[in-house]
């Protein structure tokens, strides 16, 4: 008799709990898509990523992430140096080799740090907004999706 009452109570509680799911609202940001938006265009690291995005004055990456930058705090504290492909691929203190995971933009810390919810530390650029445009971020996604080559 006691066992039957316990089973009935457990079933009743399970039904009640199903109605207590939290209301989390609509998704605020799109999930990461690691798809190359234009497979017919090969993204070049030097021209499109390093010079085309990271070295631009309005983006500010090299201000903090190069040893000779005006505020090299990103190199001094975070350890991430964006001077060259080789130094970028070494990553920083927290990211190491996961800074760029070839063919997997969504697992690449570089892309995560540019988004609204980085896995650690601040969103980049630290002095933003403004942050990267959607087109700039997509170019980085495309480069990583294409294998993050030194081209």
Protein backbone atom coordinates (compact mmCIF):
# COMPACT_ATOMS: atom_id res chain seq x y z
CA UNK A 1 0.00 0.00 0.00
CA UNK A 2 2.81 2.42 0.88
CA UNK A 3 4.72 1.59 -2.32
CA UNK A 4 1.61 2.27 -4.41
CA UNK A 5 1.10 5.63 -2.70
CA UNK A 6 4.75 6.54 -3.36
CA UNK A 7 4.39 5.68 -7.06
CA UNK A 8 1.23 7.78 -7.36
CA UNK A 9 2.89 10.68 -5.57
CA UNK A 10 5.95 10.45 -7.83
CA UNK A 11 3.76 10.47 -10.95
CA UNK A 12 1.79 13.44 -9.67
CA UNK A 13 4.97 15.38 -8.92
CA UNK A 14 6.41 14.57 -12.35
CA UNK A 15 3.31 15.97 -14.02
CA UNK A 16 3.50 19.12 -11.89
CA UNK A 17 7.17 19.68 -12.71
CA UNK A 18 6.47 19.53 -16.43
CA UNK A 19 4.42 22.70 -16.07
CA UNK A 20 7.26 24.48 -14.25
CA UNK A 21 9.65 24.81 -17.22
CA UNK A 22 11.20 28.28 -17.17
CA UNK A 23 10.10 30.83 -19.74
CA UNK A 24 13.38 31.95 -21.29
CA UNK A 25 12.00 34.09 -24.09
CA UNK A 26 13.08 34.34 -27.67
CA UNK A 27 16.64 33.61 -28.74
CA UNK A 28 18.59 36.88 -28.65
CA UNK A 29 21.46 35.89 -30.93
CA UNK A 30 21.75 33.45 -33.77
CA UNK A 31 23.64 30.29 -33.06
CA UNK A 32 27.11 30.15 -34.51
CA UNK A 33 27.21 29.11 -38.13
CA UNK A 34 30.54 27.84 -39.32
CA UNK A 35 29.53 27.88 -42.97
CA UNK A 36 31.63 29.62 -45.61
CA UNK A 37 29.28 32.28 -46.99
CA UNK A 38 31.03 32.40 -50.38
CA UNK A 39 32.91 29.20 -51.26
CA UNK A 40 33.90 30.70 -54.62
CA UNK A 41 36.02 33.37 -52.87
CA UNK A 42 39.23 32.34 -51.10
CA UNK A 43 39.83 34.60 -48.09
CA UNK A 44 43.48 35.62 -47.79
CA UNK A 45 44.89 35.96 -44.28
CA UNK A 46 47.33 38.79 -45.00
CA UNK A 47 45.16 40.95 -47.26
CA UNK A 48 41.64 40.24 -45.98
CA UNK A 49 42.12 39.39 -42.29
CA UNK A 50 45.34 40.93 -40.95
CA UNK A 51 45.40 44.11 -43.05
CA UNK A 52 41.76 44.21 -44.12
CA UNK A 53 40.31 43.88 -40.62
CA UNK A 54 42.82 43.63 -37.76
CA UNK A 55 45.06 46.51 -38.83
CA UNK A 56 42.22 48.93 -39.63
CA UNK A 57 42.16 52.00 -37.40
CA UNK A 58 38.40 51.66 -36.74
CA UNK A 59 38.79 48.07 -35.50
CA UNK A 60 41.67 48.63 -33.03
CA UNK A 61 43.02 45.05 -32.86
CA UNK A 62 46.65 46.00 -33.45
CA UNK A 63 46.48 48.83 -30.93
CA UNK A 64 46.49 46.31 -28.07
CA UNK A 65 47.57 43.06 -29.71
CA UNK A 66 50.96 43.99 -31.17
CA UNK A 67 54.11 44.55 -29.10
CA UNK A 68 54.71 47.93 -30.78
CA UNK A 69 51.08 49.07 -30.53
CA UNK A 70 50.22 52.22 -28.57
CA UNK A 71 48.57 50.15 -25.78
CA UNK A 72 50.02 46.61 -26.00
CA UNK A 73 48.00 45.34 -23.06
CA UNK A 74 46.56 42.49 -25.16
CA UNK A 75 50.07 41.14 -25.70
CA UNK A 76 51.37 41.92 -22.21
CA UNK A 77 48.45 40.50 -20.23
CA UNK A 78 46.54 38.26 -22.64
CA UNK A 79 49.55 37.05 -24.60
CA UNK A 80 47.82 37.34 -27.99
CA UNK A 81 50.04 38.91 -30.64
CA UNK A 82 48.40 39.70 -33.99
CA UNK A 83 51.63 40.80 -35.70
CA UNK A 84 51.71 37.82 -38.05
CA UNK A 85 50.01 34.54 -38.91
CA UNK A 86 52.55 32.63 -36.81
CA UNK A 87 52.02 34.75 -33.70
CA UNK A 88 48.23 34.64 -34.09
CA UNK A 89 48.28 30.84 -34.38
CA UNK A 90 50.22 30.56 -31.09
CA UNK A 91 47.23 32.10 -29.38
CA UNK A 92 47.15 33.78 -26.02
CA UNK A 93 47.34 32.84 -22.36
CA UNK A 94 43.82 31.36 -22.29
CA UNK A 95 43.26 30.41 -25.90
CA UNK A 96 46.57 28.78 -26.91
CA UNK A 97 46.07 26.54 -29.94
CA UNK A 98 42.27 26.98 -29.88
CA UNK A 99 42.57 30.61 -30.95
CA UNK A 100 41.86 29.39 -34.48
CA UNK A 101 40.57 25.88 -35.11
CA UNK A 102 40.90 25.36 -38.87
CA UNK A 103 37.58 24.49 -40.53
CA UNK A 104 35.72 25.03 -37.22
CA UNK A 105 34.94 28.73 -36.72
CA UNK A 106 32.49 28.11 -33.88
CA UNK A 107 35.20 26.42 -31.77
CA UNK A 108 37.73 29.16 -32.51
CA UNK A 109 38.34 31.50 -29.58
CA UNK A 110 39.13 34.33 -32.03
CA UNK A 111 35.55 34.31 -33.29
CA UNK A 112 34.07 33.74 -29.83
CA UNK A 113 35.92 36.78 -28.42
CA UNK A 114 34.41 38.94 -31.16
CA UNK A 115 30.87 37.89 -30.30
CA UNK A 116 28.46 39.06 -27.62
CA UNK A 117 29.27 36.29 -25.11
CA UNK A 118 32.98 35.40 -25.08
CA UNK A 119 33.98 32.31 -23.08
CA UNK A 120 36.30 34.38 -20.86
CA UNK A 121 37.32 37.99 -20.46
CA UNK A 122 35.86 40.89 -22.38
CA UNK A 123 34.35 41.08 -25.82
CA UNK A 124 36.77 42.46 -28.37
CA UNK A 125 37.61 45.10 -29.16
CA UNK A 126 37.78 45.93 -25.48
CA UNK A 127 37.13 49.62 -26.16
CA UNK A 128 34.01 48.82 -28.24
CA UNK A 129 31.40 49.47 -29.25
CA UNK A 130 31.64 49.72 -32.10
CA UNK A 131 32.46 46.07 -32.61
CA UNK A 132 33.14 44.29 -35.87
CA UNK A 133 30.51 44.60 -38.53
CA UNK A 134 28.60 41.48 -39.50
CA UNK A 135 30.50 41.48 -42.82
CA UNK A 136 33.90 41.60 -41.05
CA UNK A 137 32.91 38.80 -38.67
CA UNK A 138 31.63 36.72 -41.58
CA UNK A 139 34.95 37.20 -43.40
CA UNK A 140 36.73 35.76 -40.36
CA UNK A 141 34.24 32.87 -40.27
CA UNK A 142 34.87 32.24 -43.97
CA UNK A 143 38.66 32.31 -43.50
CA UNK A 144 38.51 29.80 -40.65
CA UNK A 145 35.96 27.62 -42.46
CA UNK A 146 38.32 27.50 -45.46
CA UNK A 147 41.05 26.08 -43.25
CA UNK A 148 42.58 29.28 -41.73
CA UNK A 149 45.43 29.20 -44.19
CA UNK A 150 48.48 31.48 -44.22
CA UNK A 151 47.78 32.86 -47.65
